[in-house]
Amino acid sequence: MEFFAETDREEHKSLVKNLQGINRVKHLAKEERSFYVNISLTDSEYQVAPKVILAMVIDVTERIEAEHAGDSGQQDGHPREMATGVAMN
């Protein structure tokens, strides 16, 4: 749980335990840099381990920053162009 901001850990603990997706959460990298991610969770069983949780983590920082820039009127470009750019990343 150390990859979540300390203030968010308790809140996200139950979501992870129940395998619920977590969207737009602040993630902490090793060098204390933070960025935003969406997390999808599933469980699996292997012969060497009784049960594990698999996480797919997608960095959505640029998407959130583009949305904030668009909200403040600083974004150049048409919304359709933005959607196409995001889809191709």
N, C-alpha and C. Protein backbone atom coordinates (compact mmCIF):
# COMPACT_ATOMS: atom_id res chain seq x y z
N MET A 1 0.81 -1.19 0.00
CA MET A 1 0.00 0.00 0.00
C MET A 1 0.86 1.27 0.00
N GLU A 2 2.16 1.10 0.03
CA GLU A 2 3.05 2.26 0.08
C GLU A 2 3.05 3.08 -1.20
N PHE A 3 2.52 2.55 -2.28
CA PHE A 3 2.50 3.33 -3.52
C PHE A 3 1.36 4.34 -3.55
N PHE A 4 0.47 4.31 -2.55
CA PHE A 4 -0.56 5.34 -2.41
C PHE A 4 -0.04 6.43 -1.49
N ALA A 5 -0.55 7.65 -1.68
CA ALA A 5 -0.22 8.73 -0.75
C ALA A 5 -0.68 8.31 0.64
N GLU A 6 0.09 8.67 1.65
CA GLU A 6 -0.18 8.23 3.01
C GLU A 6 -1.60 8.57 3.46
N THR A 7 -2.09 9.73 3.05
CA THR A 7 -3.44 10.15 3.44
C THR A 7 -4.54 9.32 2.79
N ASP A 8 -4.22 8.61 1.69
CA ASP A 8 -5.22 7.83 0.95
C ASP A 8 -5.17 6.34 1.24
N ARG A 9 -4.17 5.86 1.95
CA ARG A 9 -3.96 4.42 2.11
C ARG A 9 -5.13 3.68 2.74
N GLU A 10 -5.64 4.19 3.81
CA GLU A 10 -6.73 3.50 4.51
C GLU A 10 -7.97 3.41 3.63
N GLU A 11 -8.27 4.48 2.92
CA GLU A 11 -9.43 4.51 2.02
C GLU A 11 -9.31 3.46 0.92
N HIS A 12 -8.12 3.31 0.35
CA HIS A 12 -7.92 2.40 -0.78
C HIS A 12 -7.72 0.95 -0.35
N LYS A 13 -7.41 0.74 0.90
CA LYS A 13 -7.16 -0.62 1.40
C LYS A 13 -8.38 -1.53 1.17
N SER A 14 -9.57 -1.04 1.50
CA SER A 14 -10.78 -1.86 1.32
C SER A 14 -11.10 -2.07 -0.16
N LEU A 15 -10.81 -1.07 -1.00
CA LEU A 15 -11.05 -1.24 -2.44
C LEU A 15 -10.15 -2.33 -3.02
N VAL A 16 -8.89 -2.35 -2.61
CA VAL A 16 -7.96 -3.39 -3.07
C VAL A 16 -8.42 -4.75 -2.57
N LYS A 17 -8.77 -4.83 -1.31
CA LYS A 17 -9.22 -6.10 -0.72
C LYS A 17 -10.43 -6.66 -1.45
N ASN A 18 -11.34 -5.78 -1.90
CA ASN A 18 -12.55 -6.20 -2.60
C ASN A 18 -12.40 -6.22 -4.12
N LEU A 19 -11.15 -6.03 -4.60
CA LEU A 19 -10.83 -6.07 -6.03
C LEU A 19 -11.63 -5.06 -6.84
N GLN A 20 -11.87 -3.89 -6.26
CA GLN A 20 -12.59 -2.84 -6.97
C GLN A 20 -11.59 -1.94 -7.68
N GLY A 21 -11.95 -1.47 -8.86
CA GLY A 21 -11.09 -0.56 -9.60
C GLY A 21 -10.96 0.77 -8.89
N ILE A 22 -9.82 1.40 -9.05
CA ILE A 22 -9.56 2.69 -8.44
C ILE A 22 -9.14 3.64 -9.57
N ASN A 23 -9.89 4.70 -9.76
CA ASN A 23 -9.61 5.63 -10.85
C ASN A 23 -9.09 6.96 -10.33
N ARG A 24 -8.16 7.54 -11.12
CA ARG A 24 -7.61 8.87 -10.85
C ARG A 24 -7.04 8.99 -9.44
N VAL A 25 -6.27 8.00 -9.06
CA VAL A 25 -5.65 8.00 -7.74
C VAL A 25 -4.21 8.48 -7.87
N LYS A 26 -3.73 9.20 -6.86
CA LYS A 26 -2.35 9.66 -6.87
C LYS A 26 -1.45 8.50 -6.48
N HIS A 27 -0.49 8.20 -7.33
CA HIS A 27 0.45 7.09 -7.16
C HIS A 27 1.83 7.68 -6.84
N LEU A 28 2.53 7.07 -5.90
CA LEU A 28 3.86 7.55 -5.52
C LEU A 28 4.93 6.64 -6.11
N ALA A 29 5.84 7.22 -6.86
CA ALA A 29 6.98 6.46 -7.41
C ALA A 29 8.07 6.40 -6.35
N LYS A 30 9.08 5.55 -6.59
CA LYS A 30 10.16 5.38 -5.62
C LYS A 30 10.87 6.68 -5.29
N GLU A 31 11.07 7.53 -6.26
CA GLU A 31 11.79 8.78 -6.03
C GLU A 31 10.87 9.88 -5.52
N GLU A 32 9.74 9.50 -4.86
CA GLU A 32 8.79 10.43 -4.26
C GLU A 32 8.08 11.33 -5.26
N ARG A 33 8.16 11.01 -6.55
CA ARG A 33 7.42 11.73 -7.57
C ARG A 33 6.01 11.15 -7.61
N SER A 34 5.02 11.99 -7.76
CA SER A 34 3.65 11.49 -7.81
C SER A 34 3.05 11.71 -9.19
N PHE A 35 2.12 10.83 -9.56
CA PHE A 35 1.39 10.95 -10.81
C PHE A 35 0.06 10.24 -10.62
N TYR A 36 -0.88 10.43 -11.54
CA TYR A 36 -2.22 9.87 -11.42
C TYR A 36 -2.36 8.61 -12.27
N VAL A 37 -3.07 7.61 -11.70
CA VAL A 37 -3.25 6.35 -12.40
C VAL A 37 -4.68 5.84 -12.22
N ASN A 38 -5.08 4.97 -13.13
CA ASN A 38 -6.26 4.13 -12.97
C ASN A 38 -5.76 2.73 -12.69
N ILE A 39 -6.38 2.04 -11.75
CA ILE A 39 -5.94 0.70 -11.37
C ILE A 39 -7.10 -0.27 -11.53
N SER A 40 -6.86 -1.35 -12.27
CA SER A 40 -7.82 -2.45 -12.39
C SER A 40 -7.23 -3.65 -11.66
N LEU A 41 -8.04 -4.35 -10.88
CA LEU A 41 -7.56 -5.45 -10.05
C LEU A 41 -8.31 -6.74 -10.36
N THR A 42 -7.60 -7.84 -10.24
CA THR A 42 -8.20 -9.17 -10.35
C THR A 42 -7.37 -10.12 -9.50
N ASP A 43 -7.95 -11.23 -9.13
CA ASP A 43 -7.19 -12.21 -8.36
C ASP A 43 -6.90 -13.44 -9.22
N SER A 44 -5.92 -14.18 -8.80
CA SER A 44 -5.52 -15.39 -9.52
C SER A 44 -4.85 -16.34 -8.55
N GLU A 45 -4.85 -17.61 -8.91
CA GLU A 45 -4.18 -18.61 -8.08
C GLU A 45 -3.15 -19.33 -8.93
N TYR A 46 -1.99 -19.57 -8.34
CA TYR A 46 -0.90 -20.29 -8.99
C TYR A 46 -0.51 -21.47 -8.12
N GLN A 47 0.19 -22.42 -8.70
CA GLN A 47 0.63 -23.59 -7.94
C GLN A 47 1.63 -23.21 -6.85
N VAL A 48 2.45 -22.20 -7.11
CA VAL A 48 3.48 -21.82 -6.15
C VAL A 48 2.99 -20.81 -5.11
N ALA A 49 1.84 -20.19 -5.33
CA ALA A 49 1.29 -19.22 -4.38
C ALA A 49 -0.21 -19.45 -4.28
N PRO A 50 -0.76 -19.46 -3.09
CA PRO A 50 -2.18 -19.76 -2.95
C PRO A 50 -3.10 -18.76 -3.65
N LYS A 51 -2.87 -17.49 -3.48
CA LYS A 51 -3.72 -16.49 -4.11
C LYS A 51 -2.93 -15.19 -4.23
N VAL A 52 -3.04 -14.55 -5.40
CA VAL A 52 -2.36 -13.27 -5.62
C VAL A 52 -3.36 -12.28 -6.22
N ILE A 53 -3.04 -11.01 -6.09
CA ILE A 53 -3.82 -9.96 -6.73
C ILE A 53 -2.98 -9.39 -7.86
N LEU A 54 -3.56 -9.38 -9.05
CA LEU A 54 -2.90 -8.80 -10.22
C LEU A 54 -3.46 -7.40 -10.44
N ALA A 55 -2.58 -6.45 -10.68
CA ALA A 55 -3.01 -5.07 -10.88
C ALA A 55 -2.52 -4.56 -12.24
N MET A 56 -3.42 -3.94 -12.98
CA MET A 56 -3.04 -3.25 -14.20
C MET A 56 -3.14 -1.76 -13.89
N VAL A 57 -2.00 -1.07 -14.00
CA VAL A 57 -1.93 0.33 -13.62
C VAL A 57 -1.63 1.15 -14.88
N ILE A 58 -2.49 2.12 -15.15
CA ILE A 58 -2.35 2.96 -16.34
C ILE A 58 -2.16 4.41 -15.91
N ASP A 59 -1.08 5.02 -16.38
CA ASP A 59 -0.79 6.42 -16.07
C ASP A 59 -1.76 7.31 -16.84
N VAL A 60 -2.56 8.10 -16.12
CA VAL A 60 -3.53 8.99 -16.75
C VAL A 60 -3.23 10.46 -16.45
N THR A 61 -2.00 10.75 -16.04
CA THR A 61 -1.60 12.11 -15.68
C THR A 61 -1.82 13.08 -16.84
N GLU A 62 -1.35 12.72 -18.03
CA GLU A 62 -1.49 13.62 -19.18
C GLU A 62 -2.96 13.88 -19.50
N ARG A 63 -3.78 12.86 -19.38
CA ARG A 63 -5.21 13.01 -19.67
C ARG A 63 -5.84 13.99 -18.67
N ILE A 64 -5.51 13.85 -17.40
CA ILE A 64 -6.06 14.73 -16.37
C ILE A 64 -5.56 16.16 -16.58
N GLU A 65 -4.27 16.30 -16.88
CA GLU A 65 -3.72 17.64 -17.13
C GLU A 65 -4.38 18.30 -18.35
N ALA A 66 -4.66 17.51 -19.40
CA ALA A 66 -5.32 18.05 -20.59
C ALA A 66 -6.75 18.49 -20.26
N GLU A 67 -7.44 17.71 -19.42
CA GLU A 67 -8.79 18.08 -19.02
C GLU A 67 -8.78 19.38 -18.22
N HIS A 68 -7.82 19.50 -17.30
CA HIS A 68 -7.73 20.73 -16.50
C HIS A 68 -7.39 21.92 -17.37
N ALA A 69 -6.52 21.73 -18.34
CA ALA A 69 -6.15 22.82 -19.25
C ALA A 69 -7.37 23.22 -20.09
N GLY A 70 -8.15 22.25 -20.52
CA GLY A 70 -9.36 22.54 -21.29
C GLY A 70 -10.40 23.26 -20.46
N ASP A 71 -10.51 22.89 -19.18
CA ASP A 71 -11.46 23.54 -18.29
C ASP A 71 -11.12 25.00 -18.07
N SER A 72 -9.84 25.31 -18.06
CA SER A 72 -9.43 26.68 -17.78
C SER A 72 -9.30 27.52 -19.05
N GLY A 73 -9.61 26.93 -20.22
CA GLY A 73 -9.56 27.67 -21.47
C GLY A 73 -8.17 27.79 -22.06
N GLN A 74 -7.21 27.06 -21.53
CA GLN A 74 -5.84 27.15 -22.03
C GLN A 74 -5.54 26.13 -23.11
N GLN A 75 -6.43 25.20 -23.33
CA GLN A 75 -6.17 24.13 -24.28
C GLN A 75 -6.39 24.59 -25.72
N ASP A 76 -5.38 24.44 -26.55
CA ASP A 76 -5.53 24.70 -27.97
C ASP A 76 -5.98 23.41 -28.62
N GLY A 77 -6.89 23.47 -29.51
CA GLY A 77 -7.32 22.26 -30.20
C GLY A 77 -8.76 21.93 -29.88
N HIS A 78 -9.35 21.30 -30.81
CA HIS A 78 -10.74 20.90 -30.74
C HIS A 78 -10.86 19.65 -29.87
N PRO A 79 -11.95 19.47 -29.10
CA PRO A 79 -12.09 18.27 -28.27
C PRO A 79 -11.95 16.97 -29.05
N ARG A 80 -12.42 16.94 -30.29
CA ARG A 80 -12.29 15.73 -31.10
C ARG A 80 -10.82 15.43 -31.36
N GLU A 81 -10.01 16.45 -31.59
CA GLU A 81 -8.58 16.26 -31.81
C GLU A 81 -7.93 15.72 -30.54
N MET A 82 -8.35 16.21 -29.39
CA MET A 82 -7.79 15.71 -28.13
C MET A 82 -8.11 14.23 -27.94
N ALA A 83 -9.35 13.85 -28.21
CA ALA A 83 -9.75 12.45 -28.03
C ALA A 83 -8.96 11.54 -28.96
N THR A 84 -8.72 11.98 -30.18
CA THR A 84 -7.95 11.17 -31.12
C THR A 84 -6.53 11.03 -30.63
N GLY A 85 -5.95 12.10 -30.12
CA GLY A 85 -4.57 12.05 -29.61
C GLY A 85 -4.44 11.11 -28.44
N VAL A 86 -5.41 11.13 -27.54
CA VAL A 86 -5.37 10.24 -26.38
C VAL A 86 -5.51 8.79 -26.81
N ALA A 87 -6.41 8.53 -27.75
CA ALA A 87 -6.66 7.18 -28.20
C ALA A 87 -5.44 6.57 -28.86
N MET A 88 -4.60 7.40 -29.49
CA MET A 88 -3.46 6.87 -30.20
C MET A 88 -2.24 6.69 -29.32
N ASN A 89 -2.26 7.20 -28.09
CA ASN A 89 -1.10 7.07 -27.19
C ASN A 89 -0.89 5.69 -26.75
